N, C-alpha and C. Protein backbone atom coordinates (compact mmCIF):
# COMPACT_ATOMS: atom_id res chain seq x y z
N UNK A 1 1.36 36.01 0.85
CA UNK A 1 0.57 34.46 1.43
C UNK A 1 0.46 33.74 -0.10
N UNK A 2 -0.30 34.47 -0.96
CA UNK A 2 -0.38 33.80 -2.31
C UNK A 2 1.26 33.32 -2.73
N UNK A 3 2.23 34.13 -2.40
CA UNK A 3 3.76 33.58 -3.24
C UNK A 3 3.93 32.04 -2.32
N UNK A 4 3.42 32.24 -1.08
CA UNK A 4 4.03 31.18 -0.39
C UNK A 4 2.96 29.67 -0.77
N UNK A 5 1.74 30.10 -1.50
CA UNK A 5 0.93 28.96 -1.46
C UNK A 5 1.57 28.51 -3.16
N UNK A 6 2.03 29.65 -3.99
CA UNK A 6 2.76 29.02 -5.31
C UNK A 6 4.01 28.21 -4.93
N UNK A 7 4.70 28.56 -4.31
CA UNK A 7 5.95 27.64 -3.83
C UNK A 7 5.82 26.40 -2.95
N UNK A 8 4.67 26.12 -2.47
CA UNK A 8 4.17 24.74 -1.61
C UNK A 8 3.89 23.91 -3.00
N UNK A 9 3.02 24.86 -3.93
CA UNK A 9 2.60 24.04 -4.74
C UNK A 9 3.80 23.77 -5.94
N UNK A 10 4.43 24.49 -6.15
CA UNK A 10 5.98 23.62 -6.73
C UNK A 10 6.49 22.85 -6.26
N UNK A 11 6.80 22.53 -4.92
CA UNK A 11 7.46 21.60 -4.24
C UNK A 11 6.93 20.34 -4.37
N UNK A 12 5.36 20.64 -4.32
CA UNK A 12 4.48 19.54 -4.13
C UNK A 12 4.67 18.81 -5.28
N UNK A 13 4.70 19.64 -6.65
CA UNK A 13 4.56 19.04 -8.02
C UNK A 13 6.20 18.27 -7.98
N UNK A 14 7.13 18.91 -7.78
CA UNK A 14 8.42 18.29 -7.72
C UNK A 14 9.08 17.17 -7.20
N UNK A 15 8.14 17.15 -6.08
CA UNK A 15 8.23 15.84 -4.89
C UNK A 15 7.42 14.69 -6.15
N UNK A 16 6.45 15.42 -6.29
CA UNK A 16 5.82 14.17 -7.03
C UNK A 16 6.20 13.76 -8.38
N UNK A 17 6.77 14.63 -8.89
CA UNK A 17 7.58 14.04 -10.62
C UNK A 17 8.61 13.83 -10.24
N UNK A 18 9.55 13.69 -8.79
CA UNK A 18 10.74 13.29 -8.67
C UNK A 18 11.05 11.78 -8.94
N UNK A 19 10.29 10.85 -8.20
CA UNK A 19 10.21 9.33 -8.58
C UNK A 19 10.05 9.10 -10.02
N UNK A 20 9.42 9.75 -10.94
CA UNK A 20 9.16 9.59 -12.15
C UNK A 20 10.03 9.82 -12.99
N UNK A 21 10.86 10.74 -12.99
CA UNK A 21 12.17 10.86 -13.44
C UNK A 21 13.09 10.24 -13.48
N UNK A 22 13.35 9.67 -11.89
CA UNK A 22 14.41 8.51 -11.48
C UNK A 22 13.94 7.36 -12.38
N UNK A 23 12.65 6.68 -11.98
CA UNK A 23 12.49 5.47 -12.87
C UNK A 23 12.47 5.32 -14.20
N UNK A 24 12.36 6.59 -14.75
CA UNK A 24 12.66 6.71 -16.42
C UNK A 24 13.81 6.55 -16.66
N UNK A 25 14.87 6.95 -16.31
CA UNK A 25 16.32 6.94 -16.37
C UNK A 25 17.20 5.36 -16.44
N UNK A 26 16.19 4.57 -15.36
CA UNK A 26 16.83 3.58 -15.23
C UNK A 26 17.15 2.76 -16.39
N UNK A 27 18.73 2.11 -16.49
CA UNK A 27 18.57 1.06 -17.44
C UNK A 27 19.55 -0.07 -17.03
N UNK A 28 19.11 -1.24 -17.22
CA UNK A 28 19.28 -2.55 -17.20
C UNK A 28 20.23 -3.11 -18.43
N UNK A 29 21.23 -3.76 -17.98
CA UNK A 29 22.06 -4.61 -18.91
C UNK A 29 21.39 -5.87 -18.98
N UNK A 30 20.73 -6.15 -19.69
CA UNK A 30 19.97 -7.68 -19.64
C UNK A 30 20.62 -8.86 -20.01
N UNK A 31 22.00 -8.41 -20.68
CA UNK A 31 23.27 -9.45 -20.24
C UNK A 31 23.60 -9.75 -19.06
N UNK A 32 23.45 -9.16 -18.25
CA UNK A 32 24.42 -9.29 -16.76
C UNK A 32 23.20 -9.56 -15.92
N UNK A 33 22.17 -9.91 -16.33
CA UNK A 33 21.11 -10.82 -15.13
C UNK A 33 21.26 -11.68 -14.85
N UNK A 34 21.80 -12.32 -13.98
CA UNK A 34 21.51 -13.77 -13.50
C UNK A 34 20.52 -14.67 -13.13
N UNK A 35 20.42 -16.19 -13.81
CA UNK A 35 19.35 -16.58 -13.26
C UNK A 35 18.73 -16.40 -12.08
N UNK A 36 19.31 -16.38 -11.14
CA UNK A 36 19.03 -16.34 -9.95
C UNK A 36 18.39 -14.91 -9.70
N UNK A 37 18.27 -13.93 -10.20
CA UNK A 37 18.01 -12.54 -10.36
C UNK A 37 16.45 -12.80 -11.15
N UNK A 38 16.95 -13.33 -12.34
CA UNK A 38 15.86 -13.65 -13.01
C UNK A 38 14.30 -14.58 -12.42
N UNK A 39 14.86 -15.75 -11.25
CA UNK A 39 13.74 -16.12 -11.04
C UNK A 39 13.40 -15.64 -9.99
N UNK A 40 14.32 -15.17 -8.89
CA UNK A 40 13.57 -14.60 -7.51
C UNK A 40 13.32 -12.61 -7.94
N UNK A 41 12.84 -12.59 -8.91
CA UNK A 41 12.01 -11.02 -9.26
C UNK A 41 12.55 -9.74 -9.05
N UNK A 42 14.12 -10.39 -8.82
CA UNK A 42 15.14 -8.80 -8.56
C UNK A 42 15.17 -8.02 -9.48
N UNK A 43 15.23 -8.10 -10.59
CA UNK A 43 14.91 -6.79 -11.69
C UNK A 43 13.50 -6.37 -11.77
N UNK A 44 12.90 -7.56 -12.48
CA UNK A 44 11.06 -7.25 -12.87
C UNK A 44 10.53 -8.81 -12.77
N UNK A 45 9.26 -8.92 -13.13
CA UNK A 45 8.95 -10.20 -13.49
C UNK A 45 9.77 -10.84 -14.40
N UNK A 46 9.98 -12.09 -13.75
CA UNK A 46 10.45 -13.10 -14.84
C UNK A 46 10.03 -13.09 -16.53
N UNK A 47 8.79 -12.91 -16.29
CA UNK A 47 7.88 -12.57 -18.13
C UNK A 47 8.39 -11.64 -18.70
N UNK A 48 8.49 -10.71 -17.94
CA UNK A 48 9.00 -9.54 -18.69
C UNK A 48 10.49 -9.42 -19.18
N UNK A 49 11.02 -10.24 -18.60
CA UNK A 49 12.61 -10.39 -19.00
C UNK A 49 12.00 -11.37 -20.12
N UNK A 50 11.83 -12.00 -20.15
CA UNK A 50 11.47 -13.41 -21.22
C UNK A 50 10.65 -12.99 -22.51
N UNK A 51 9.95 -11.72 -22.17
CA UNK A 51 9.28 -11.02 -23.49
C UNK A 51 10.53 -10.47 -24.18
N UNK A 52 11.32 -9.88 -23.29
CA UNK A 52 12.60 -8.82 -23.88
C UNK A 52 13.39 -9.73 -24.67
N UNK A 53 13.90 -10.94 -24.02
CA UNK A 53 14.63 -11.92 -24.83
C UNK A 53 14.08 -12.77 -25.93
N UNK A 54 12.61 -13.06 -25.84
CA UNK A 54 12.35 -13.09 -27.33
C UNK A 54 12.35 -12.56 -28.13
N UNK A 55 11.93 -10.97 -28.27
CA UNK A 55 12.01 -9.96 -28.76
C UNK A 55 13.57 -10.15 -29.38
N UNK A 56 14.34 -9.99 -28.41
CA UNK A 56 15.87 -10.05 -28.89
C UNK A 56 16.22 -10.95 -29.86
N UNK A 57 15.75 -12.15 -29.48
CA UNK A 57 16.42 -13.18 -30.24
C UNK A 57 15.53 -13.33 -31.46
N UNK A 58 14.57 -13.24 -31.52
CA UNK A 58 13.68 -12.96 -32.51
C UNK A 58 14.18 -11.97 -33.68
N UNK A 59 14.68 -10.88 -33.44
CA UNK A 59 15.26 -9.96 -33.88
C UNK A 59 16.54 -10.05 -34.99
N UNK A 60 17.36 -10.74 -34.09
CA UNK A 60 18.81 -11.73 -34.45
C UNK A 60 18.50 -12.24 -35.53
N UNK A 61 17.61 -12.91 -35.62
CA UNK A 61 16.84 -14.03 -36.72
C UNK A 61 15.86 -13.68 -37.91
N UNK A 62 15.51 -12.05 -37.42
CA UNK A 62 14.74 -11.40 -38.31
C UNK A 62 13.46 -11.82 -38.45
N UNK A 63 13.06 -12.55 -37.52
CA UNK A 63 11.62 -13.07 -37.62
C UNK A 63 10.32 -12.49 -36.64
N UNK A 64 9.46 -12.31 -37.32
CA UNK A 64 8.44 -11.15 -36.74
C UNK A 64 6.94 -12.13 -36.27
N UNK A 65 7.55 -13.79 -36.50
CA UNK A 65 6.31 -14.39 -35.94
C UNK A 65 6.40 -15.10 -34.23
N UNK A 66 5.24 -14.79 -33.67
CA UNK A 66 5.50 -15.23 -32.39
C UNK A 66 3.98 -16.32 -32.60
N UNK A 67 4.59 -17.61 -31.86
CA UNK A 67 3.68 -18.55 -31.77
C UNK A 67 3.13 -18.69 -29.91
N UNK A 68 2.28 -18.01 -29.45
CA UNK A 68 1.62 -18.06 -28.14
C UNK A 68 2.15 -19.15 -27.40
N UNK A 69 1.88 -20.30 -28.14
CA UNK A 69 2.01 -21.66 -27.24
C UNK A 69 3.51 -21.96 -26.75
N UNK A 70 3.89 -21.40 -28.25
CA UNK A 70 5.51 -22.31 -27.56
C UNK A 70 5.95 -20.50 -26.64
N UNK A 71 5.74 -19.50 -27.10
CA UNK A 71 6.11 -18.52 -26.08
C UNK A 71 6.12 -19.30 -24.55
N UNK A 72 4.71 -19.22 -24.10
CA UNK A 72 4.48 -19.96 -22.99
C UNK A 72 5.50 -21.14 -22.87
N UNK A 73 5.32 -21.99 -23.56
CA UNK A 73 6.26 -23.24 -23.08
C UNK A 73 7.66 -22.76 -22.86
N UNK A 74 8.16 -21.99 -23.69
CA UNK A 74 9.73 -21.44 -23.88
C UNK A 74 10.09 -20.59 -22.33
N UNK A 75 9.05 -20.02 -21.57
CA UNK A 75 9.52 -19.67 -20.43
C UNK A 75 9.48 -20.34 -19.36
N UNK A 76 8.75 -21.38 -19.49
CA UNK A 76 8.91 -22.75 -18.46
C UNK A 76 10.19 -22.93 -18.98
N UNK A 77 10.37 -23.35 -20.13
CA UNK A 77 11.94 -24.24 -20.05
C UNK A 77 12.82 -23.02 -19.92
N UNK A 78 12.89 -22.11 -19.95
CA UNK A 78 13.85 -21.17 -19.21
C UNK A 78 13.91 -21.22 -17.92
N UNK A 79 12.63 -21.15 -17.49
CA UNK A 79 12.74 -21.27 -15.71
C UNK A 79 13.30 -22.53 -14.99
N UNK A 80 13.01 -23.68 -15.93
CA UNK A 80 13.41 -24.93 -15.28
C UNK A 80 15.06 -24.85 -15.73
N UNK A 81 15.58 -24.22 -16.90
CA UNK A 81 16.66 -24.08 -17.13
C UNK A 81 17.87 -23.54 -16.14
N UNK A 82 17.20 -22.37 -15.44
CA UNK A 82 18.01 -21.70 -14.57
C UNK A 82 17.89 -22.22 -13.06
N UNK A 83 16.92 -22.88 -12.93
CA UNK A 83 16.96 -24.14 -11.98
C UNK A 83 18.07 -24.71 -11.72
N UNK A 84 18.42 -25.33 -13.12
CA UNK A 84 19.32 -26.63 -13.06
C UNK A 84 20.42 -26.57 -12.25
N UNK A 85 21.52 -27.33 -11.42
CA UNK A 85 22.31 -26.80 -10.48
C UNK A 85 23.21 -26.21 -11.63
N UNK A 86 24.19 -25.25 -10.96
CA UNK A 86 25.11 -24.92 -11.86
C UNK A 86 25.06 -23.55 -12.86
N UNK A 87 23.37 -23.50 -13.04
CA UNK A 87 23.21 -22.42 -13.44
C UNK A 87 23.06 -20.77 -12.91
N UNK A 88 22.62 -20.62 -11.50
CA UNK A 88 22.15 -20.16 -11.01
C UNK A 88 22.68 -18.63 -11.33
N UNK A 89 23.88 -18.24 -11.49
CA UNK A 89 24.39 -17.52 -11.51
C UNK A 89 24.95 -17.36 -13.16
N UNK A 90 24.83 -18.20 -13.72
CA UNK A 90 24.86 -18.00 -15.45
C UNK A 90 23.98 -16.62 -15.75
N UNK A 91 24.26 -15.76 -16.60
CA UNK A 91 23.49 -14.81 -17.05
C UNK A 91 22.27 -15.53 -17.72
N UNK A 92 21.19 -15.21 -17.36
CA UNK A 92 20.07 -15.63 -18.15
C UNK A 92 19.78 -15.70 -19.78
N UNK A 93 20.27 -14.90 -20.16
CA UNK A 93 20.60 -14.67 -21.74
C UNK A 93 21.42 -15.56 -22.05
N UNK A 94 22.45 -15.97 -21.58
CA UNK A 94 23.45 -17.20 -21.65
C UNK A 94 22.77 -18.28 -21.94
N UNK A 95 21.52 -18.50 -20.66
CA UNK A 95 21.16 -19.98 -20.81
C UNK A 95 20.14 -20.06 -22.33
N UNK A 96 19.30 -18.58 -22.16
CA UNK A 96 17.93 -18.59 -23.11
C UNK A 96 18.77 -19.16 -24.56
N UNK A 97 20.27 -18.47 -24.92
CA UNK A 97 20.97 -18.56 -26.16
C UNK A 97 21.01 -20.08 -26.17
N UNK A 98 21.54 -20.81 -25.27
CA UNK A 98 21.89 -22.54 -24.98
C UNK A 98 20.23 -23.11 -25.80
N UNK A 99 19.75 -22.19 -25.30
CA UNK A 99 18.09 -23.37 -25.22
C UNK A 99 17.47 -23.03 -26.63
N UNK A 100 17.41 -21.61 -27.19
CA UNK A 100 16.56 -21.28 -28.05
C UNK A 100 17.47 -21.34 -29.40
N UNK A 101 18.54 -20.68 -29.51
CA UNK A 101 19.39 -20.45 -30.48
C UNK A 101 20.05 -21.95 -31.10
N UNK A 102 20.80 -22.16 -30.37
CA UNK A 102 21.56 -23.30 -30.81
C UNK A 102 21.03 -24.75 -30.68
N UNK A 103 19.90 -25.13 -30.98
CA UNK A 103 18.86 -26.35 -31.00
C UNK A 103 19.39 -27.09 -31.97
């Protein structure tokens, strides 16, 4: 009886940990996220993607500065740009680059 209880405990622990390890191994290519996926929360919340994009583009320019108000404004600009006709299937990263890098 003691062995059965141990086996049940092991399976319970494995069942609990299986989803955690599956999530931890998920990899997302941000360069392939479309504006449509970005706006419709298909990957994650749009703000999370915007935070990643901000870090990516700031890293490319070696900037460690983050203006809070500008950041919020830029998220709104990015969402609006993704809503524009013809942009829904473009990579959100491409739209962000046009908005914020090539000014």
